[in-house]
Amino acid sequence: MDTVETDGTGGGQKLSPETIAKAFTALDRTLTRRGLSYALYVVGGTALLLRGIITRPTVDVDVVLSLDVQTHELAEIGITPQLKIAAETVSVALDLPRNWLNDGPADLARLGLPEGWFERSTKLTYGPSLTIFLAGTEDLIAYKLYATADRYPFQDRHFKDLKALKPTDNQLVSAAHWIVQQDPSPGFLTELLIPTLQSLGVNTNALDL
């Protein structure tokens, strides 16, 4: 029987850096027993937490891509079915939310991630079968600006996370150029993205998007 040593804390806990490390270590062991291995491109709250940018626990680990652990070639946009099953085994063992490994942000990759995203990522190894690539600062700014604009004028956790990244105007403008490739609709630009940039202090009068 494929089991993982239980944590015993109960209750579907939120994810602190310590809990994330336990979960990744347990996932590595589970994958090893099943003869599987992956490298994951991780964004969102987990990337911010593990980079020390925020301290707020997160509810899940946002995965955009699954890569071959050796070659780093694309295995799946999001999470493969085998990886999902392995993650569910870990969730039971450590009393984590069932979908603690979440590929909701995988749509970010469907129209193309920011150029150079892999080179800007930070590699973390949790064993022979699991490698994590944390999104780089510039890319986190782009993803958080996109999420913030999508919710404008509400200033929720995405806005707070974006502020915690302390982006420069140039970084925000660069992120905006990528975002309009993801959503080129005029309404998104004029009603959401531009007002969001203005709320962050960016002078948009001469902005060419």
N, C-alpha and C. Protein backbone atom coordinates (compact mmCIF):
# COMPACT_ATOMS: atom_id res chain seq x y z
N MET A 1 0.84 -1.20 0.00
CA MET A 1 0.00 0.00 0.00
C MET A 1 0.88 1.25 0.00
N ASP A 2 0.51 2.23 -0.84
CA ASP A 2 1.30 3.45 -0.97
C ASP A 2 0.86 4.45 0.08
N THR A 3 1.68 4.66 1.11
CA THR A 3 1.31 5.56 2.20
C THR A 3 2.42 6.57 2.43
N VAL A 4 2.05 7.66 3.11
CA VAL A 4 2.99 8.68 3.54
C VAL A 4 2.78 8.85 5.03
N GLU A 5 3.84 9.03 5.78
CA GLU A 5 3.70 9.24 7.21
C GLU A 5 2.82 10.45 7.49
N THR A 6 1.81 10.28 8.35
CA THR A 6 0.86 11.35 8.59
C THR A 6 1.42 12.41 9.50
N ASP A 7 0.89 13.63 9.30
CA ASP A 7 1.33 14.78 10.07
C ASP A 7 0.60 14.91 11.39
N GLY A 8 -0.71 14.54 11.37
CA GLY A 8 -1.48 14.52 12.59
C GLY A 8 -2.04 15.85 13.03
N THR A 9 -1.93 16.89 12.20
CA THR A 9 -2.43 18.19 12.61
C THR A 9 -3.90 18.37 12.31
N GLY A 10 -4.40 17.74 11.25
CA GLY A 10 -5.83 17.74 10.95
C GLY A 10 -6.34 19.05 10.39
N GLY A 11 -7.51 18.95 9.73
CA GLY A 11 -8.29 20.13 9.44
C GLY A 11 -8.05 20.85 8.13
N GLY A 12 -7.29 20.34 7.20
CA GLY A 12 -7.09 21.04 5.94
C GLY A 12 -6.44 22.39 6.14
N GLN A 13 -5.28 22.38 6.71
CA GLN A 13 -4.57 23.60 7.12
C GLN A 13 -4.15 24.46 5.94
N LYS A 14 -3.98 25.75 6.21
CA LYS A 14 -3.36 26.63 5.22
C LYS A 14 -1.87 26.32 5.16
N LEU A 15 -1.24 26.83 4.11
CA LEU A 15 0.14 26.43 3.83
C LEU A 15 1.13 27.52 4.23
N SER A 16 1.91 27.23 5.25
CA SER A 16 3.04 28.05 5.64
C SER A 16 4.27 27.54 4.90
N PRO A 17 5.39 28.26 4.95
CA PRO A 17 6.60 27.73 4.31
C PRO A 17 6.99 26.36 4.83
N GLU A 18 6.80 26.13 6.14
CA GLU A 18 7.15 24.83 6.72
C GLU A 18 6.23 23.73 6.19
N THR A 19 4.94 24.03 6.11
CA THR A 19 3.98 23.05 5.60
C THR A 19 4.24 22.75 4.13
N ILE A 20 4.56 23.77 3.36
CA ILE A 20 4.87 23.57 1.95
C ILE A 20 6.09 22.66 1.79
N ALA A 21 7.11 22.89 2.60
CA ALA A 21 8.31 22.05 2.53
C ALA A 21 7.98 20.60 2.86
N LYS A 22 7.15 20.38 3.90
CA LYS A 22 6.73 19.01 4.24
C LYS A 22 5.96 18.38 3.09
N ALA A 23 5.07 19.16 2.49
CA ALA A 23 4.25 18.63 1.40
C ALA A 23 5.11 18.27 0.20
N PHE A 24 6.05 19.14 -0.16
CA PHE A 24 6.91 18.85 -1.30
C PHE A 24 7.80 17.63 -1.03
N THR A 25 8.30 17.51 0.19
CA THR A 25 9.13 16.36 0.54
C THR A 25 8.32 15.07 0.47
N ALA A 26 7.10 15.12 0.99
CA ALA A 26 6.22 13.94 0.93
C ALA A 26 5.84 13.62 -0.51
N LEU A 27 5.62 14.64 -1.32
CA LEU A 27 5.29 14.41 -2.72
C LEU A 27 6.46 13.78 -3.46
N ASP A 28 7.67 14.25 -3.17
CA ASP A 28 8.86 13.64 -3.78
C ASP A 28 8.93 12.14 -3.46
N ARG A 29 8.71 11.79 -2.21
CA ARG A 29 8.78 10.37 -1.81
C ARG A 29 7.69 9.55 -2.49
N THR A 30 6.50 10.13 -2.59
CA THR A 30 5.40 9.43 -3.24
C THR A 30 5.70 9.21 -4.72
N LEU A 31 6.21 10.24 -5.38
CA LEU A 31 6.57 10.11 -6.79
C LEU A 31 7.67 9.07 -7.00
N THR A 32 8.66 9.07 -6.10
CA THR A 32 9.76 8.11 -6.21
C THR A 32 9.24 6.68 -6.14
N ARG A 33 8.33 6.42 -5.18
CA ARG A 33 7.77 5.07 -5.05
C ARG A 33 6.99 4.65 -6.29
N ARG A 34 6.43 5.62 -6.99
CA ARG A 34 5.62 5.32 -8.16
C ARG A 34 6.40 5.38 -9.46
N GLY A 35 7.70 5.65 -9.36
CA GLY A 35 8.54 5.70 -10.55
C GLY A 35 8.28 6.92 -11.41
N LEU A 36 7.85 8.02 -10.78
CA LEU A 36 7.55 9.26 -11.50
C LEU A 36 8.49 10.37 -11.04
N SER A 37 8.66 11.38 -11.86
CA SER A 37 9.44 12.54 -11.46
C SER A 37 8.98 13.75 -12.25
N TYR A 38 8.99 14.92 -11.59
CA TYR A 38 8.54 16.14 -12.24
C TYR A 38 9.34 17.34 -11.76
N ALA A 39 9.36 18.34 -12.61
CA ALA A 39 9.76 19.69 -12.21
C ALA A 39 8.55 20.58 -12.43
N LEU A 40 8.23 21.42 -11.45
CA LEU A 40 7.02 22.24 -11.51
C LEU A 40 7.38 23.72 -11.50
N TYR A 41 6.73 24.47 -12.36
CA TYR A 41 6.86 25.93 -12.37
C TYR A 41 5.75 26.50 -11.49
N VAL A 42 6.16 27.11 -10.37
CA VAL A 42 5.23 27.52 -9.33
C VAL A 42 5.16 29.05 -9.25
N VAL A 43 3.94 29.57 -9.16
CA VAL A 43 3.72 31.01 -9.09
C VAL A 43 2.88 31.30 -7.84
N GLY A 44 2.32 32.51 -7.77
CA GLY A 44 1.36 32.83 -6.73
C GLY A 44 1.93 32.93 -5.33
N GLY A 45 1.05 32.69 -4.35
CA GLY A 45 1.42 32.86 -2.95
C GLY A 45 2.58 31.99 -2.51
N THR A 46 2.65 30.78 -3.03
CA THR A 46 3.76 29.89 -2.65
C THR A 46 5.10 30.46 -3.08
N ALA A 47 5.18 30.96 -4.32
CA ALA A 47 6.43 31.56 -4.79
C ALA A 47 6.80 32.78 -3.95
N LEU A 48 5.80 33.58 -3.61
CA LEU A 48 6.05 34.76 -2.78
C LEU A 48 6.50 34.37 -1.38
N LEU A 49 5.86 33.36 -0.80
CA LEU A 49 6.23 32.89 0.54
C LEU A 49 7.65 32.35 0.56
N LEU A 50 7.97 31.48 -0.37
CA LEU A 50 9.28 30.83 -0.36
C LEU A 50 10.39 31.80 -0.75
N ARG A 51 10.04 32.89 -1.39
CA ARG A 51 11.02 33.94 -1.67
C ARG A 51 11.13 34.94 -0.52
N GLY A 52 10.29 34.79 0.51
CA GLY A 52 10.34 35.68 1.66
C GLY A 52 9.73 37.04 1.41
N ILE A 53 8.88 37.16 0.39
CA ILE A 53 8.29 38.45 0.04
C ILE A 53 7.05 38.73 0.88
N ILE A 54 6.29 37.67 1.20
CA ILE A 54 5.12 37.80 2.07
C ILE A 54 5.23 36.78 3.20
N THR A 55 4.41 36.97 4.23
CA THR A 55 4.36 36.02 5.34
C THR A 55 2.99 35.37 5.48
N ARG A 56 2.00 35.88 4.73
CA ARG A 56 0.64 35.34 4.80
C ARG A 56 0.61 33.92 4.26
N PRO A 57 0.08 32.95 5.06
CA PRO A 57 -0.06 31.59 4.53
C PRO A 57 -0.95 31.57 3.29
N THR A 58 -0.72 30.61 2.44
CA THR A 58 -1.51 30.49 1.22
C THR A 58 -2.41 29.27 1.31
N VAL A 59 -3.40 29.20 0.44
CA VAL A 59 -4.34 28.08 0.51
C VAL A 59 -3.93 26.94 -0.40
N ASP A 60 -3.03 27.20 -1.36
CA ASP A 60 -2.63 26.14 -2.28
C ASP A 60 -1.31 26.50 -2.95
N VAL A 61 -0.82 25.57 -3.73
CA VAL A 61 0.40 25.77 -4.52
C VAL A 61 -0.02 25.90 -5.97
N ASP A 62 0.22 27.07 -6.56
CA ASP A 62 -0.20 27.34 -7.94
C ASP A 62 0.86 26.85 -8.92
N VAL A 63 0.47 25.88 -9.75
CA VAL A 63 1.38 25.29 -10.73
C VAL A 63 0.93 25.69 -12.13
N VAL A 64 1.86 26.21 -12.91
CA VAL A 64 1.56 26.59 -14.29
C VAL A 64 1.96 25.49 -15.26
N LEU A 65 3.13 24.90 -15.04
CA LEU A 65 3.67 23.88 -15.94
C LEU A 65 4.25 22.71 -15.17
N SER A 66 4.12 21.51 -15.75
CA SER A 66 4.88 20.35 -15.31
C SER A 66 5.95 20.07 -16.36
N LEU A 67 7.19 19.94 -15.89
CA LEU A 67 8.32 19.74 -16.80
C LEU A 67 9.00 18.42 -16.51
N ASP A 68 9.73 17.90 -17.50
CA ASP A 68 10.57 16.74 -17.26
C ASP A 68 11.68 17.14 -16.30
N VAL A 69 11.87 16.35 -15.24
CA VAL A 69 12.80 16.74 -14.18
C VAL A 69 14.24 16.78 -14.66
N GLN A 70 14.56 16.04 -15.71
CA GLN A 70 15.93 16.00 -16.21
C GLN A 70 16.16 17.02 -17.33
N THR A 71 15.27 17.01 -18.33
CA THR A 71 15.49 17.84 -19.52
C THR A 71 14.81 19.21 -19.43
N HIS A 72 13.84 19.33 -18.50
CA HIS A 72 13.02 20.53 -18.34
C HIS A 72 12.14 20.80 -19.55
N GLU A 73 11.94 19.78 -20.39
CA GLU A 73 11.00 19.91 -21.48
C GLU A 73 9.58 19.81 -20.95
N LEU A 74 8.64 20.41 -21.66
CA LEU A 74 7.25 20.44 -21.21
C LEU A 74 6.66 19.04 -21.13
N ALA A 75 6.11 18.69 -19.96
CA ALA A 75 5.37 17.44 -19.81
C ALA A 75 3.88 17.69 -19.90
N GLU A 76 3.43 18.82 -19.36
CA GLU A 76 2.00 19.14 -19.34
C GLU A 76 1.83 20.61 -18.97
N ILE A 77 0.88 21.28 -19.61
CA ILE A 77 0.45 22.57 -19.09
C ILE A 77 -0.45 22.28 -17.90
N GLY A 78 -0.03 22.73 -16.73
CA GLY A 78 -0.75 22.38 -15.51
C GLY A 78 -0.18 21.13 -14.87
N ILE A 79 -1.05 20.26 -14.40
CA ILE A 79 -0.66 19.07 -13.64
C ILE A 79 -1.09 17.82 -14.39
N THR A 80 -0.21 16.85 -14.51
CA THR A 80 -0.57 15.59 -15.16
C THR A 80 -1.52 14.80 -14.26
N PRO A 81 -2.32 13.90 -14.83
CA PRO A 81 -3.22 13.08 -14.00
C PRO A 81 -2.47 12.27 -12.92
N GLN A 82 -1.30 11.74 -13.28
CA GLN A 82 -0.54 10.95 -12.30
C GLN A 82 -0.05 11.82 -11.14
N LEU A 83 0.35 13.05 -11.46
CA LEU A 83 0.81 13.97 -10.42
C LEU A 83 -0.35 14.37 -9.52
N LYS A 84 -1.51 14.58 -10.09
CA LYS A 84 -2.69 14.94 -9.30
C LYS A 84 -3.02 13.85 -8.29
N ILE A 85 -2.96 12.59 -8.73
CA ILE A 85 -3.26 11.47 -7.84
C ILE A 85 -2.22 11.40 -6.71
N ALA A 86 -0.96 11.59 -7.06
CA ALA A 86 0.10 11.58 -6.04
C ALA A 86 -0.11 12.71 -5.03
N ALA A 87 -0.50 13.89 -5.51
CA ALA A 87 -0.74 15.02 -4.62
C ALA A 87 -1.92 14.76 -3.69
N GLU A 88 -2.93 14.04 -4.17
CA GLU A 88 -4.07 13.70 -3.33
C GLU A 88 -3.66 12.73 -2.22
N THR A 89 -2.73 11.84 -2.51
CA THR A 89 -2.20 10.95 -1.48
C THR A 89 -1.53 11.76 -0.37
N VAL A 90 -0.76 12.76 -0.76
CA VAL A 90 -0.10 13.63 0.21
C VAL A 90 -1.12 14.43 1.01
N SER A 91 -2.17 14.88 0.34
CA SER A 91 -3.18 15.69 1.04
C SER A 91 -3.84 14.91 2.16
N VAL A 92 -4.09 13.64 1.95
CA VAL A 92 -4.68 12.80 2.99
C VAL A 92 -3.70 12.60 4.13
N ALA A 93 -2.45 12.32 3.79
CA ALA A 93 -1.44 12.04 4.81
C ALA A 93 -1.14 13.24 5.70
N LEU A 94 -1.14 14.44 5.10
CA LEU A 94 -0.75 15.64 5.84
C LEU A 94 -1.93 16.55 6.19
N ASP A 95 -3.15 16.03 5.95
CA ASP A 95 -4.36 16.82 6.24
C ASP A 95 -4.35 18.18 5.54
N LEU A 96 -4.01 18.16 4.29
CA LEU A 96 -4.02 19.37 3.47
C LEU A 96 -5.31 19.41 2.65
N PRO A 97 -5.67 20.58 2.14
CA PRO A 97 -6.80 20.62 1.21
C PRO A 97 -6.56 19.65 0.05
N ARG A 98 -7.62 19.01 -0.41
CA ARG A 98 -7.46 18.00 -1.45
C ARG A 98 -6.75 18.57 -2.68
N ASN A 99 -7.09 19.79 -3.04
CA ASN A 99 -6.49 20.43 -4.22
C ASN A 99 -5.37 21.38 -3.82
N TRP A 100 -4.55 20.98 -2.87
CA TRP A 100 -3.45 21.86 -2.43
C TRP A 100 -2.47 22.13 -3.57
N LEU A 101 -2.37 21.19 -4.50
CA LEU A 101 -1.57 21.40 -5.72
C LEU A 101 -2.56 21.79 -6.82
N ASN A 102 -2.54 23.05 -7.20
CA ASN A 102 -3.61 23.63 -7.99
C ASN A 102 -3.06 24.14 -9.33
N ASP A 103 -3.67 23.70 -10.43
CA ASP A 103 -3.20 24.19 -11.73
C ASP A 103 -4.18 25.18 -12.35
N GLY A 104 -4.94 25.88 -11.52
CA GLY A 104 -5.82 26.92 -12.01
C GLY A 104 -5.12 27.98 -12.85
N PRO A 105 -3.87 28.38 -12.48
CA PRO A 105 -3.17 29.41 -13.28
C PRO A 105 -2.54 28.89 -14.57
N ALA A 106 -2.81 27.63 -14.94
CA ALA A 106 -2.16 27.07 -16.13
C ALA A 106 -2.51 27.84 -17.40
N ASP A 107 -3.64 28.52 -17.39
CA ASP A 107 -4.01 29.30 -18.58
C ASP A 107 -2.99 30.38 -18.91
N LEU A 108 -2.19 30.78 -17.92
CA LEU A 108 -1.15 31.77 -18.18
C LEU A 108 -0.21 31.31 -19.28
N ALA A 109 -0.03 30.01 -19.39
CA ALA A 109 0.95 29.46 -20.34
C ALA A 109 0.37 29.26 -21.73
N ARG A 110 -0.93 29.30 -21.86
CA ARG A 110 -1.53 28.90 -23.14
C ARG A 110 -1.24 29.91 -24.26
N LEU A 111 -1.08 31.17 -23.91
CA LEU A 111 -0.75 32.19 -24.91
C LEU A 111 0.71 32.64 -24.82
N GLY A 112 1.46 31.98 -23.94
CA GLY A 112 2.88 32.27 -23.84
C GLY A 112 3.26 33.00 -22.57
N LEU A 113 4.18 32.43 -21.82
CA LEU A 113 4.69 33.07 -20.61
C LEU A 113 5.65 34.20 -21.00
N PRO A 114 5.95 35.10 -20.07
CA PRO A 114 6.90 36.18 -20.38
C PRO A 114 8.24 35.62 -20.86
N GLU A 115 8.80 36.22 -21.87
CA GLU A 115 10.08 35.76 -22.41
C GLU A 115 11.15 35.77 -21.32
N GLY A 116 11.89 34.66 -21.22
CA GLY A 116 12.94 34.56 -20.22
C GLY A 116 12.47 34.07 -18.87
N TRP A 117 11.23 33.59 -18.77
CA TRP A 117 10.70 33.18 -17.46
C TRP A 117 11.53 32.07 -16.82
N PHE A 118 12.00 31.12 -17.62
CA PHE A 118 12.73 29.99 -17.04
C PHE A 118 14.08 30.45 -16.46
N GLU A 119 14.77 31.32 -17.19
CA GLU A 119 16.07 31.81 -16.73
C GLU A 119 15.95 32.65 -15.47
N ARG A 120 14.81 33.29 -15.26
CA ARG A 120 14.60 34.11 -14.06
C ARG A 120 14.11 33.31 -12.87
N SER A 121 13.72 32.07 -13.08
CA SER A 121 13.17 31.26 -11.99
C SER A 121 14.28 30.78 -11.05
N THR A 122 13.88 30.41 -9.85
CA THR A 122 14.80 29.88 -8.83
C THR A 122 14.50 28.41 -8.60
N LYS A 123 15.55 27.60 -8.67
CA LYS A 123 15.40 26.15 -8.57
C LYS A 123 15.50 25.68 -7.12
N LEU A 124 14.53 24.88 -6.69
CA LEU A 124 14.55 24.23 -5.38
C LEU A 124 14.37 22.73 -5.59
N THR A 125 15.22 21.92 -4.98
CA THR A 125 15.14 20.47 -5.14
C THR A 125 14.71 19.84 -3.82
N TYR A 126 13.68 19.01 -3.89
CA TYR A 126 13.16 18.35 -2.69
C TYR A 126 13.45 16.86 -2.67
N GLY A 127 14.22 16.39 -3.62
CA GLY A 127 14.58 14.99 -3.70
C GLY A 127 14.79 14.62 -5.15
N PRO A 128 15.03 13.34 -5.43
CA PRO A 128 15.32 12.92 -6.80
C PRO A 128 14.14 13.03 -7.76
N SER A 129 12.93 13.13 -7.21
CA SER A 129 11.75 13.08 -8.07
C SER A 129 10.95 14.37 -8.14
N LEU A 130 11.37 15.41 -7.41
CA LEU A 130 10.61 16.66 -7.43
C LEU A 130 11.54 17.87 -7.38
N THR A 131 11.45 18.68 -8.41
CA THR A 131 12.15 19.95 -8.47
C THR A 131 11.13 21.05 -8.66
N ILE A 132 11.30 22.14 -7.94
CA ILE A 132 10.40 23.28 -8.04
C ILE A 132 11.15 24.47 -8.64
N PHE A 133 10.56 25.12 -9.61
CA PHE A 133 11.09 26.36 -10.15
C PHE A 133 10.14 27.49 -9.74
N LEU A 134 10.60 28.34 -8.83
CA LEU A 134 9.80 29.47 -8.38
C LEU A 134 9.87 30.60 -9.40
N ALA A 135 8.74 31.17 -9.72
CA ALA A 135 8.72 32.29 -10.65
C ALA A 135 9.60 33.43 -10.15
N GLY A 136 10.30 34.09 -11.06
CA GLY A 136 11.16 35.22 -10.71
C GLY A 136 10.35 36.46 -10.39
N THR A 137 11.02 37.45 -9.81
CA THR A 137 10.34 38.66 -9.36
C THR A 137 9.60 39.36 -10.49
N GLU A 138 10.26 39.56 -11.64
CA GLU A 138 9.61 40.26 -12.75
C GLU A 138 8.37 39.53 -13.23
N ASP A 139 8.43 38.21 -13.22
CA ASP A 139 7.29 37.42 -13.67
C ASP A 139 6.16 37.44 -12.64
N LEU A 140 6.51 37.40 -11.35
CA LEU A 140 5.49 37.51 -10.31
C LEU A 140 4.78 38.87 -10.40
N ILE A 141 5.53 39.91 -10.71
CA ILE A 141 4.91 41.22 -10.90
C ILE A 141 3.90 41.17 -12.05
N ALA A 142 4.27 40.52 -13.14
CA ALA A 142 3.36 40.42 -14.28
C ALA A 142 2.10 39.65 -13.92
N TYR A 143 2.26 38.51 -13.24
CA TYR A 143 1.10 37.68 -12.91
C TYR A 143 0.20 38.40 -11.90
N LYS A 144 0.81 39.06 -10.93
CA LYS A 144 0.02 39.74 -9.91
C LYS A 144 -0.65 41.00 -10.46
N LEU A 145 0.02 41.69 -11.38
CA LEU A 145 -0.61 42.84 -12.02
C LEU A 145 -1.82 42.38 -12.84
N TYR A 146 -1.68 41.29 -13.54
CA TYR A 146 -2.79 40.73 -14.33
C TYR A 146 -3.98 40.41 -13.42
N ALA A 147 -3.71 39.72 -12.32
CA ALA A 147 -4.78 39.35 -11.38
C ALA A 147 -5.40 40.58 -10.74
N THR A 148 -4.57 41.57 -10.41
CA THR A 148 -5.07 42.80 -9.79
C THR A 148 -5.97 43.57 -10.75
N ALA A 149 -5.52 43.71 -12.00
CA ALA A 149 -6.31 44.42 -13.00
C ALA A 149 -7.64 43.71 -13.26
N ASP A 150 -7.60 42.40 -13.26
CA ASP A 150 -8.80 41.62 -13.53
C ASP A 150 -9.87 41.86 -12.47
N ARG A 151 -9.44 42.30 -11.28
CA ARG A 151 -10.37 42.53 -10.17
C ARG A 151 -10.60 44.02 -9.88
N TYR A 152 -10.03 44.89 -10.67
CA TYR A 152 -10.17 46.32 -10.44
C TYR A 152 -11.65 46.70 -10.38
N PRO A 153 -12.08 47.55 -9.43
CA PRO A 153 -11.27 48.39 -8.51
C PRO A 153 -11.01 47.76 -7.14
N PHE A 154 -11.34 46.48 -6.97
CA PHE A 154 -11.15 45.84 -5.67
C PHE A 154 -9.66 45.60 -5.42
N GLN A 155 -9.23 45.92 -4.23
CA GLN A 155 -7.82 45.75 -3.87
C GLN A 155 -7.71 44.60 -2.87
N ASP A 156 -7.67 43.38 -3.42
CA ASP A 156 -7.65 42.18 -2.58
C ASP A 156 -6.21 41.72 -2.36
N ARG A 157 -6.04 40.45 -2.06
CA ARG A 157 -4.70 39.93 -1.73
C ARG A 157 -3.74 40.07 -2.90
N HIS A 158 -4.24 40.03 -4.13
CA HIS A 158 -3.35 40.17 -5.28
C HIS A 158 -2.73 41.57 -5.32
N PHE A 159 -3.54 42.57 -5.03
CA PHE A 159 -3.03 43.94 -4.96
C PHE A 159 -1.99 44.07 -3.85
N LYS A 160 -2.28 43.48 -2.69
CA LYS A 160 -1.34 43.54 -1.57
C LYS A 160 -0.04 42.81 -1.91
N ASP A 161 -0.18 41.67 -2.58
CA ASP A 161 1.02 40.93 -2.99
C ASP A 161 1.85 41.73 -3.99
N LEU A 162 1.16 42.38 -4.91
CA LEU A 162 1.86 43.21 -5.90
C LEU A 162 2.62 44.34 -5.22
N LYS A 163 2.00 45.00 -4.27
CA LYS A 163 2.67 46.07 -3.53
C LYS A 163 3.88 45.52 -2.76
N ALA A 164 3.74 44.30 -2.22
CA ALA A 164 4.84 43.69 -1.47
C ALA A 164 6.05 43.43 -2.36
N LEU A 165 5.82 43.25 -3.65
CA LEU A 165 6.91 43.03 -4.60
C LEU A 165 7.69 44.31 -4.90
N LYS A 166 7.13 45.46 -4.52
CA LYS A 166 7.76 46.77 -4.70
C LYS A 166 8.21 46.99 -6.15
N PRO A 167 7.27 46.87 -7.08
CA PRO A 167 7.66 47.00 -8.50
C PRO A 167 8.01 48.44 -8.86
N THR A 168 8.95 48.59 -9.77
CA THR A 168 9.25 49.91 -10.34
C THR A 168 8.25 50.19 -11.45
N ASP A 169 8.18 51.45 -11.86
CA ASP A 169 7.30 51.81 -12.98
C ASP A 169 7.69 51.04 -14.24
N ASN A 170 8.99 50.91 -14.48
CA ASN A 170 9.45 50.19 -15.67
C ASN A 170 9.02 48.73 -15.63
N GLN A 171 9.09 48.10 -14.46
CA GLN A 171 8.67 46.71 -14.33
C GLN A 171 7.16 46.58 -14.58
N LEU A 172 6.39 47.53 -14.07
CA LEU A 172 4.95 47.49 -14.28
C LEU A 172 4.59 47.68 -15.75
N VAL A 173 5.27 48.59 -16.42
CA VAL A 173 5.00 48.82 -17.84
C VAL A 173 5.39 47.59 -18.66
N SER A 174 6.53 46.99 -18.33
CA SER A 174 6.95 45.77 -19.02
C SER A 174 5.92 44.66 -18.82
N ALA A 175 5.43 44.53 -17.59
CA ALA A 175 4.41 43.53 -17.29
C ALA A 175 3.14 43.82 -18.08
N ALA A 176 2.78 45.09 -18.20
CA ALA A 176 1.56 45.46 -18.92
C ALA A 176 1.64 45.06 -20.39
N HIS A 177 2.82 45.17 -20.99
CA HIS A 177 2.99 44.78 -22.40
C HIS A 177 2.71 43.29 -22.57
N TRP A 178 3.15 42.48 -21.59
CA TRP A 178 2.86 41.04 -21.67
C TRP A 178 1.37 40.78 -21.45
N ILE A 179 0.76 41.50 -20.53
CA ILE A 179 -0.64 41.28 -20.19
C ILE A 179 -1.56 41.55 -21.39
N VAL A 180 -1.28 42.59 -22.16
CA VAL A 180 -2.16 42.90 -23.29
C VAL A 180 -2.04 41.83 -24.39
N GLN A 181 -0.97 41.05 -24.37
CA GLN A 181 -0.89 39.91 -25.28
C GLN A 181 -1.82 38.79 -24.82
N GLN A 182 -1.99 38.69 -23.50
CA GLN A 182 -2.89 37.68 -22.95
C GLN A 182 -4.35 38.07 -23.17
N ASP A 183 -4.66 39.34 -22.97
CA ASP A 183 -6.03 39.84 -23.15
C ASP A 183 -5.98 41.15 -23.92
N PRO A 184 -6.09 41.08 -25.25
CA PRO A 184 -5.95 42.29 -26.07
C PRO A 184 -7.25 43.09 -26.21
N SER A 185 -8.30 42.71 -25.50
CA SER A 185 -9.58 43.41 -25.68
C SER A 185 -9.48 44.86 -25.21
N PRO A 186 -10.04 45.79 -25.99
CA PRO A 186 -9.95 47.21 -25.62
C PRO A 186 -10.55 47.51 -24.26
N GLY A 187 -11.62 46.83 -23.90
CA GLY A 187 -12.26 47.07 -22.61
C GLY A 187 -11.36 46.73 -21.44
N PHE A 188 -10.63 45.63 -21.56
CA PHE A 188 -9.71 45.26 -20.48
C PHE A 188 -8.63 46.31 -20.31
N LEU A 189 -8.11 46.79 -21.43
CA LEU A 189 -7.03 47.78 -21.39
C LEU A 189 -7.51 49.09 -20.76
N THR A 190 -8.60 49.63 -21.27
CA THR A 190 -9.01 50.97 -20.86
C THR A 190 -9.76 51.00 -19.53
N GLU A 191 -10.51 49.93 -19.24
CA GLU A 191 -11.35 49.94 -18.04
C GLU A 191 -10.71 49.27 -16.84
N LEU A 192 -9.70 48.43 -17.07
CA LEU A 192 -9.11 47.67 -15.97
C LEU A 192 -7.61 47.89 -15.84
N LEU A 193 -6.85 47.61 -16.91
CA LEU A 193 -5.39 47.65 -16.80
C LEU A 193 -4.87 49.07 -16.59
N ILE A 194 -5.29 50.01 -17.43
CA ILE A 194 -4.81 51.40 -17.30
C ILE A 194 -5.18 51.99 -15.93
N PRO A 195 -6.43 51.86 -15.46
CA PRO A 195 -6.75 52.38 -14.13
C PRO A 195 -5.95 51.71 -13.01
N THR A 196 -5.64 50.43 -13.17
CA THR A 196 -4.83 49.75 -12.16
C THR A 196 -3.42 50.33 -12.13
N LEU A 197 -2.83 50.53 -13.30
CA LEU A 197 -1.50 51.14 -13.36
C LEU A 197 -1.52 52.53 -12.74
N GLN A 198 -2.55 53.29 -13.01
CA GLN A 198 -2.66 54.63 -12.43
C GLN A 198 -2.77 54.57 -10.91
N SER A 199 -3.50 53.57 -10.40
CA SER A 199 -3.63 53.43 -8.95
C SER A 199 -2.31 53.08 -8.29
N LEU A 200 -1.38 52.55 -9.10
CA LEU A 200 -0.04 52.20 -8.59
C LEU A 200 0.96 53.32 -8.83
N GLY A 201 0.47 54.45 -9.34
CA GLY A 201 1.33 55.63 -9.50
C GLY A 201 2.04 55.71 -10.83
N VAL A 202 1.66 54.88 -11.80
CA VAL A 202 2.31 54.92 -13.11
C VAL A 202 1.66 56.01 -13.97
N ASN A 203 2.48 56.84 -14.58
CA ASN A 203 1.98 57.85 -15.51
C ASN A 203 1.69 57.18 -16.84
N THR A 204 0.41 57.07 -17.16
CA THR A 204 0.00 56.34 -18.36
C THR A 204 -0.29 57.25 -19.56
N ASN A 205 -0.04 58.53 -19.42
CA ASN A 205 -0.38 59.47 -20.50
C ASN A 205 0.35 59.15 -21.81
N ALA A 206 1.61 58.78 -21.70
CA ALA A 206 2.39 58.50 -22.92
C ALA A 206 2.61 57.00 -23.12
N LEU A 207 1.81 56.20 -22.41
CA LEU A 207 2.00 54.75 -22.47
C LEU A 207 1.50 54.19 -23.78
N ASP A 208 2.30 53.38 -24.44
CA ASP A 208 1.95 52.78 -25.72
C ASP A 208 1.74 51.29 -25.51
N LEU A 209 0.48 50.89 -25.39
CA LEU A 209 0.16 49.48 -25.16
C LEU A 209 -0.70 48.95 -26.31
